[in-house]
Amino acid sequence: MTARRTLDLRGIACPLSWAKARVTLETLARGDEVDLLVDDPRGARDIPRAAEATGYHVAGVAAEDGEWRITIEV
């Protein structure tokens, strides 16, 4: 059974938002997903790149009203 979590990183600038996301990702089991909520445009651009470079699968990036939901699968 897979789990899905949401991590609210709004108000946290990148690269600190990626550091917090990575700590969470490391606690998840294979197949789990996490939705990262960010409002930093730099984070919206850099977090998916960093996640892919680290071996995670970015399932989607959705923008809405100056915020982004980045879905990452472990």
PDB file of N, CA and C in Angstrom:
ATOM      1  N   MET A   1       0.847  -1.183   0.000  1.00  0.00           N
ATOM      2  CA  MET A   1       0.000   0.000   0.000  1.00  0.00           C
ATOM      3  C   MET A   1       0.889   1.242   0.000  1.00  0.00           C
ATOM      4  N   THR A   2       0.626   2.146  -0.916  1.00  0.00           N
ATOM      5  CA  THR A   2       1.418   3.367  -1.004  1.00  0.00           C
ATOM      6  C   THR A   2       0.780   4.482  -0.193  1.00  0.00           C
ATOM      7  N   ALA A   3       1.620   5.389   0.237  1.00  0.00           N
ATOM      8  CA  ALA A   3       1.143   6.536   1.014  1.00  0.00           C
ATOM      9  C   ALA A   3       1.331   7.800   0.195  1.00  0.00           C
ATOM     10  N   ARG A   4       0.527   8.787   0.505  1.00  0.00           N
ATOM     11  CA  ARG A   4       0.651  10.098  -0.138  1.00  0.00           C
ATOM     12  C   ARG A   4       0.642  11.148   0.965  1.00  0.00           C
ATOM     13  N   ARG A   5       1.634  12.032   0.933  1.00  0.00           N
ATOM     14  CA  ARG A   5       1.746  13.089   1.934  1.00  0.00           C
ATOM     15  C   ARG A   5       1.791  14.435   1.248  1.00  0.00           C
ATOM     16  N   THR A   6       1.496  15.468   2.002  1.00  0.00           N
ATOM     17  CA  THR A   6       1.614  16.837   1.517  1.00  0.00           C
ATOM     18  C   THR A   6       2.568  17.572   2.444  1.00  0.00           C
ATOM     19  N   LEU A   7       3.523  18.273   1.839  1.00  0.00           N
ATOM     20  CA  LEU A   7       4.484  19.049   2.602  1.00  0.00           C
ATOM     21  C   LEU A   7       4.350  20.512   2.169  1.00  0.00           C
ATOM     22  N   ASP A   8       3.937  21.355   3.088  1.00  0.00           N
ATOM     23  CA  ASP A   8       3.724  22.776   2.802  1.00  0.00           C
ATOM     24  C   ASP A   8       5.035  23.530   2.988  1.00  0.00           C
ATOM     25  N   LEU A   9       5.611  23.960   1.880  1.00  0.00           N
ATOM     26  CA  LEU A   9       6.871  24.691   1.902  1.00  0.00           C
ATOM     27  C   LEU A   9       6.686  26.153   1.503  1.00  0.00           C
ATOM     28  N   ARG A  10       5.447  26.618   1.523  1.00  0.00           N
ATOM     29  CA  ARG A  10       5.186  28.010   1.182  1.00  0.00           C
ATOM     30  C   ARG A  10       5.842  28.916   2.221  1.00  0.00           C
ATOM     31  N   GLY A  11       6.466  29.975   1.725  1.00  0.00           N
ATOM     32  CA  GLY A  11       7.158  30.903   2.611  1.00  0.00           C
ATOM     33  C   GLY A  11       8.606  30.516   2.878  1.00  0.00           C
ATOM     34  N   ILE A  12       9.043  29.394   2.322  1.00  0.00           N
ATOM     35  CA  ILE A  12      10.420  28.936   2.513  1.00  0.00           C
ATOM     36  C   ILE A  12      11.132  29.015   1.167  1.00  0.00           C
ATOM     37  N   ALA A  13      12.213  29.774   1.128  1.00  0.00           N
ATOM     38  CA  ALA A  13      12.941  29.966  -0.127  1.00  0.00           C
ATOM     39  C   ALA A  13      13.821  28.761  -0.442  1.00  0.00           C
ATOM     40  N   CYS A  14      14.027  28.548  -1.712  1.00  0.00           N
ATOM     41  CA  CYS A  14      14.947  27.527  -2.185  1.00  0.00           C
ATOM     42  C   CYS A  14      16.365  28.068  -1.974  1.00  0.00           C
ATOM     43  N   PRO A  15      17.326  27.328  -1.518  1.00  0.00           N
ATOM     44  CA  PRO A  15      17.412  25.875  -1.482  1.00  0.00           C
ATOM     45  C   PRO A  15      16.940  25.244  -0.175  1.00  0.00           C
ATOM     46  N   LEU A  16      16.541  26.034   0.818  1.00  0.00           N
ATOM     47  CA  LEU A  16      16.075  25.450   2.080  1.00  0.00           C
ATOM     48  C   LEU A  16      14.830  24.597   1.864  1.00  0.00           C
ATOM     49  N   SER A  17      13.950  25.007   0.950  1.00  0.00           N
ATOM     50  CA  SER A  17      12.746  24.204   0.687  1.00  0.00           C
ATOM     51  C   SER A  17      13.126  22.837   0.135  1.00  0.00           C
ATOM     52  N   TRP A  18      14.132  22.761  -0.732  1.00  0.00           N
ATOM     53  CA  TRP A  18      14.573  21.461  -1.254  1.00  0.00           C
ATOM     54  C   TRP A  18      15.191  20.618  -0.134  1.00  0.00           C
ATOM     55  N   ALA A  19      15.956  21.241   0.762  1.00  0.00           N
ATOM     56  CA  ALA A  19      16.552  20.506   1.880  1.00  0.00           C
ATOM     57  C   ALA A  19      15.471  19.883   2.751  1.00  0.00           C
ATOM     58  N   LYS A  20      14.423  20.627   3.042  1.00  0.00           N
ATOM     59  CA  LYS A  20      13.316  20.101   3.850  1.00  0.00           C
ATOM     60  C   LYS A  20      12.580  18.990   3.099  1.00  0.00           C
ATOM     61  N   ALA A  21      12.381  19.185   1.805  1.00  0.00           N
ATOM     62  CA  ALA A  21      11.710  18.160   1.004  1.00  0.00           C
ATOM     63  C   ALA A  21      12.527  16.874   0.987  1.00  0.00           C
ATOM     64  N   ARG A  22      13.824  17.007   0.826  1.00  0.00           N
ATOM     65  CA  ARG A  22      14.680  15.823   0.753  1.00  0.00           C
ATOM     66  C   ARG A  22      14.654  15.024   2.055  1.00  0.00           C
ATOM     67  N   VAL A  23      14.635  15.704   3.187  1.00  0.00           N
ATOM     68  CA  VAL A  23      14.532  15.007   4.472  1.00  0.00           C
ATOM     69  C   VAL A  23      13.248  14.175   4.503  1.00  0.00           C
ATOM     70  N   THR A  24      12.147  14.759   4.044  1.00  0.00           N
ATOM     71  CA  THR A  24      10.872  14.031   4.016  1.00  0.00           C
ATOM     72  C   THR A  24      10.938  12.866   3.045  1.00  0.00           C
ATOM     73  N   LEU A  25      11.484  13.096   1.850  1.00  0.00           N
ATOM     74  CA  LEU A  25      11.567  12.038   0.844  1.00  0.00           C
ATOM     75  C   LEU A  25      12.354  10.835   1.357  1.00  0.00           C
ATOM     76  N   GLU A  26      13.378  11.077   2.124  1.00  0.00           N
ATOM     77  CA  GLU A  26      14.211   9.991   2.642  1.00  0.00           C
ATOM     78  C   GLU A  26      13.491   9.128   3.668  1.00  0.00           C
ATOM     79  N   THR A  27      12.368   9.602   4.207  1.00  0.00           N
ATOM     80  CA  THR A  27      11.615   8.820   5.198  1.00  0.00           C
ATOM     81  C   THR A  27      10.511   7.981   4.557  1.00  0.00           C
ATOM     82  N   LEU A  28      10.276   8.171   3.267  1.00  0.00           N
ATOM     83  CA  LEU A  28       9.176   7.490   2.596  1.00  0.00           C
ATOM     84  C   LEU A  28       9.615   6.161   2.000  1.00  0.00           C
ATOM     85  N   ALA A  29       8.652   5.275   1.812  1.00  0.00           N
ATOM     86  CA  ALA A  29       8.910   3.969   1.214  1.00  0.00           C
ATOM     87  C   ALA A  29       8.785   4.064  -0.303  1.00  0.00           C
ATOM     88  N   ARG A  30       9.418   3.151  -0.997  1.00  0.00           N
ATOM     89  CA  ARG A  30       9.358   3.106  -2.463  1.00  0.00           C
ATOM     90  C   ARG A  30       7.901   3.051  -2.914  1.00  0.00           C
ATOM     91  N   GLY A  31       7.557   3.896  -3.874  1.00  0.00           N
ATOM     92  CA  GLY A  31       6.191   3.950  -4.394  1.00  0.00           C
ATOM     93  C   GLY A  31       5.333   5.027  -3.745  1.00  0.00           C
ATOM     94  N   ASP A  32       5.773   5.550  -2.591  1.00  0.00           N
ATOM     95  CA  ASP A  32       5.038   6.631  -1.936  1.00  0.00           C
ATOM     96  C   ASP A  32       5.175   7.919  -2.743  1.00  0.00           C
ATOM     97  N   GLU A  33       4.231   8.817  -2.543  1.00  0.00           N
ATOM     98  CA  GLU A  33       4.268  10.113  -3.217  1.00  0.00           C
ATOM     99  C   GLU A  33       4.142  11.231  -2.197  1.00  0.00           C
ATOM    100  N   VAL A  34       4.734  12.366  -2.548  1.00  0.00           N
ATOM    101  CA  VAL A  34       4.599  13.553  -1.711  1.00  0.00           C
ATOM    102  C   VAL A  34       4.276  14.735  -2.621  1.00  0.00           C
ATOM    103  N   ASP A  35       3.319  15.545  -2.191  1.00  0.00           N
ATOM    104  CA  ASP A  35       2.984  16.792  -2.872  1.00  0.00           C
ATOM    105  C   ASP A  35       3.681  17.913  -2.121  1.00  0.00           C
ATOM    106  N   LEU A  36       4.549  18.635  -2.817  1.00  0.00           N
ATOM    107  CA  LEU A  36       5.230  19.777  -2.232  1.00  0.00           C
ATOM    108  C   LEU A  36       4.511  21.036  -2.673  1.00  0.00           C
ATOM    109  N   LEU A  37       4.098  21.851  -1.718  1.00  0.00           N
ATOM    110  CA  LEU A  37       3.447  23.123  -2.027  1.00  0.00           C
ATOM    111  C   LEU A  37       4.478  24.220  -1.863  1.00  0.00           C
ATOM    112  N   VAL A  38       4.782  24.934  -2.954  1.00  0.00           N
ATOM    113  CA  VAL A  38       5.788  25.992  -2.917  1.00  0.00           C
ATOM    114  C   VAL A  38       5.229  27.272  -3.518  1.00  0.00           C
ATOM    115  N   ASP A  39       5.757  28.403  -3.057  1.00  0.00           N
ATOM    116  CA  ASP A  39       5.364  29.692  -3.631  1.00  0.00           C
ATOM    117  C   ASP A  39       6.584  30.473  -4.126  1.00  0.00           C
ATOM    118  N   ASP A  40       7.736  29.846  -4.076  1.00  0.00           N
ATOM    119  CA  ASP A  40       8.976  30.456  -4.550  1.00  0.00           C
ATOM    120  C   ASP A  40       9.220  30.011  -5.993  1.00  0.00           C
ATOM    121  N   PRO A  41       9.209  30.942  -6.960  1.00  0.00           N
ATOM    122  CA  PRO A  41       9.419  30.553  -8.362  1.00  0.00           C
ATOM    123  C   PRO A  41      10.727  29.799  -8.585  1.00  0.00           C
ATOM    124  N   ARG A  42      11.749  30.168  -7.850  1.00  0.00           N
ATOM    125  CA  ARG A  42      13.031  29.461  -7.980  1.00  0.00           C
ATOM    126  C   ARG A  42      12.895  28.013  -7.520  1.00  0.00           C
ATOM    127  N   GLY A  43      12.161  27.795  -6.444  1.00  0.00           N
ATOM    128  CA  GLY A  43      11.922  26.439  -5.960  1.00  0.00           C
ATOM    129  C   GLY A  43      11.108  25.621  -6.950  1.00  0.00           C
ATOM    130  N   ALA A  44      10.123  26.265  -7.564  1.00  0.00           N
ATOM    131  CA  ALA A  44       9.289  25.570  -8.545  1.00  0.00           C
ATOM    132  C   ALA A  44      10.119  25.114  -9.736  1.00  0.00           C
ATOM    133  N   ARG A  45      11.156  25.864 -10.049  1.00  0.00           N
ATOM    134  CA  ARG A  45      12.037  25.509 -11.161  1.00  0.00           C
ATOM    135  C   ARG A  45      13.101  24.500 -10.728  1.00  0.00           C
ATOM    136  N   ASP A  46      13.709  24.730  -9.548  1.00  0.00           N
ATOM    137  CA  ASP A  46      14.875  23.946  -9.138  1.00  0.00           C
ATOM    138  C   ASP A  46      14.548  22.631  -8.429  1.00  0.00           C
ATOM    139  N   ILE A  47      13.463  22.576  -7.679  1.00  0.00           N
ATOM    140  CA  ILE A  47      13.142  21.348  -6.943  1.00  0.00           C
ATOM    141  C   ILE A  47      12.911  20.155  -7.877  1.00  0.00           C
ATOM    142  N   PRO A  48      12.130  20.298  -8.945  1.00  0.00           N
ATOM    143  CA  PRO A  48      11.982  19.139  -9.839  1.00  0.00           C
ATOM    144  C   PRO A  48      13.317  18.683 -10.440  1.00  0.00           C
ATOM    145  N   ARG A  49      14.171  19.617 -10.804  1.00  0.00           N
ATOM    146  CA  ARG A  49      15.489  19.262 -11.343  1.00  0.00           C
ATOM    147  C   ARG A  49      16.327  18.511 -10.311  1.00  0.00           C
ATOM    148  N   ALA A  50      16.347  19.031  -9.092  1.00  0.00           N
ATOM    149  CA  ALA A  50      17.125  18.394  -8.023  1.00  0.00           C
ATOM    150  C   ALA A  50      16.577  17.012  -7.691  1.00  0.00           C
ATOM    151  N   ALA A  51      15.250  16.886  -7.681  1.00  0.00           N
ATOM    152  CA  ALA A  51      14.633  15.593  -7.380  1.00  0.00           C
ATOM    153  C   ALA A  51      15.015  14.556  -8.427  1.00  0.00           C
ATOM    154  N   GLU A  52      14.910  14.917  -9.708  1.00  0.00           N
ATOM    155  CA  GLU A  52      15.286  13.990 -10.792  1.00  0.00           C
ATOM    156  C   GLU A  52      16.771  13.644 -10.708  1.00  0.00           C
ATOM    157  N   ALA A  53      17.612  14.625 -10.421  1.00  0.00           N
ATOM    158  CA  ALA A  53      19.051  14.387 -10.331  1.00  0.00           C
ATOM    159  C   ALA A  53      19.407  13.458  -9.173  1.00  0.00           C
ATOM    160  N   THR A  54      18.543  13.424  -8.162  1.00  0.00           N
ATOM    161  CA  THR A  54      18.772  12.597  -6.982  1.00  0.00           C
ATOM    162  C   THR A  54      18.156  11.208  -7.131  1.00  0.00           C
ATOM    163  N   GLY A  55      17.426  10.982  -8.210  1.00  0.00           N
ATOM    164  CA  GLY A  55      16.867   9.654  -8.456  1.00  0.00           C
ATOM    165  C   GLY A  55      15.387   9.513  -8.181  1.00  0.00           C
ATOM    166  N   TYR A  56      14.710  10.598  -7.873  1.00  0.00           N
ATOM    167  CA  TYR A  56      13.266  10.559  -7.653  1.00  0.00           C
ATOM    168  C   TYR A  56      12.536  10.829  -8.961  1.00  0.00           C
ATOM    169  N   HIS A  57      11.291  10.395  -9.024  1.00  0.00           N
ATOM    170  CA  HIS A  57      10.469  10.626 -10.212  1.00  0.00           C
ATOM    171  C   HIS A  57       9.515  11.784  -9.936  1.00  0.00           C
ATOM    172  N   VAL A  58       9.578  12.820 -10.766  1.00  0.00           N
ATOM    173  CA  VAL A  58       8.648  13.945 -10.641  1.00  0.00           C
ATOM    174  C   VAL A  58       7.411  13.595 -11.461  1.00  0.00           C
ATOM    175  N   ALA A  59       6.318  13.328 -10.766  1.00  0.00           N
ATOM    176  CA  ALA A  59       5.083  12.906 -11.428  1.00  0.00           C
ATOM    177  C   ALA A  59       4.312  14.079 -12.009  1.00  0.00           C
ATOM    178  N   GLY A  60       4.554  15.288 -11.508  1.00  0.00           N
ATOM    179  CA  GLY A  60       3.852  16.438 -12.054  1.00  0.00           C
ATOM    180  C   GLY A  60       4.191  17.730 -11.344  1.00  0.00           C
ATOM    181  N   VAL A  61       4.010  18.818 -12.089  1.00  0.00           N
ATOM    182  CA  VAL A  61       4.165  20.168 -11.543  1.00  0.00           C
ATOM    183  C   VAL A  61       2.966  20.964 -12.026  1.00  0.00           C
ATOM    184  N   ALA A  62       2.170  21.468 -11.093  1.00  0.00           N
ATOM    185  CA  ALA A  62       0.978  22.241 -11.445  1.00  0.00           C
ATOM    186  C   ALA A  62       1.061  23.623 -10.807  1.00  0.00           C
ATOM    187  N   ALA A  63       0.840  24.651 -11.621  1.00  0.00           N
ATOM    188  CA  ALA A  63       0.868  26.034 -11.138  1.00  0.00           C
ATOM    189  C   ALA A  63      -0.548  26.563 -10.991  1.00  0.00           C
ATOM    190  N   GLU A  64      -0.753  27.346  -9.906  1.00  0.00           N
ATOM    191  CA  GLU A  64      -2.050  27.963  -9.687  1.00  0.00           C
ATOM    192  C   GLU A  64      -1.895  29.182  -8.801  1.00  0.00           C
ATOM    193  N   ASP A  65      -2.217  30.344  -9.329  1.00  0.00           N
ATOM    194  CA  ASP A  65      -2.219  31.595  -8.570  1.00  0.00           C
ATOM    195  C   ASP A  65      -0.898  31.870  -7.847  1.00  0.00           C
ATOM    196  N   GLY A  66       0.219  31.713  -8.541  1.00  0.00           N
ATOM    197  CA  GLY A  66       1.512  32.024  -7.941  1.00  0.00           C
ATOM    198  C   GLY A  66       2.040  30.979  -6.987  1.00  0.00           C
ATOM    199  N   GLU A  67       1.422  29.823  -6.969  1.00  0.00           N
ATOM    200  CA  GLU A  67       1.884  28.706  -6.148  1.00  0.00           C
ATOM    201  C   GLU A  67       2.004  27.476  -7.039  1.00  0.00           C
ATOM    202  N   TRP A  68       2.807  26.535  -6.594  1.00  0.00           N
ATOM    203  CA  TRP A  68       3.021  25.314  -7.357  1.00  0.00           C
ATOM    204  C   TRP A  68       2.841  24.095  -6.475  1.00  0.00           C
ATOM    205  N   ARG A  69       2.326  23.020  -7.082  1.00  0.00           N
ATOM    206  CA  ARG A  69       2.225  21.704  -6.435  1.00  0.00           C
ATOM    207  C   ARG A  69       3.142  20.780  -7.233  1.00  0.00           C
ATOM    208  N   ILE A  70       4.200  20.319  -6.585  1.00  0.00           N
ATOM    209  CA  ILE A  70       5.162  19.434  -7.221  1.00  0.00           C
ATOM    210  C   ILE A  70       4.943  18.044  -6.629  1.00  0.00           C
ATOM    211  N   THR A  71       4.572  17.091  -7.464  1.00  0.00           N
ATOM    212  CA  THR A  71       4.329  15.724  -6.987  1.00  0.00           C
ATOM    213  C   THR A  71       5.537  14.876  -7.313  1.00  0.00           C
ATOM    214  N   ILE A  72       6.113  14.287  -6.272  1.00  0.00           N
ATOM    215  CA  ILE A  72       7.310  13.471  -6.417  1.00  0.00           C
ATOM    216  C   ILE A  72       7.011  12.067  -5.912  1.00  0.00           C
ATOM    217  N   GLU A  73       7.408  11.078  -6.708  1.00  0.00           N
ATOM    218  CA  GLU A  73       7.255   9.674  -6.328  1.00  0.00           C
ATOM    219  C   GLU A  73       8.624   9.142  -5.930  1.00  0.00           C
ATOM    220  N   VAL A  74       8.650   8.429  -4.819  1.00  0.00           N
ATOM    221  CA  VAL A  74       9.900   7.849  -4.316  1.00  0.00           C
ATOM    222  C   VAL A  74      10.201   6.576  -5.088  1.00  0.00           C
TER     223      VAL A  74
END
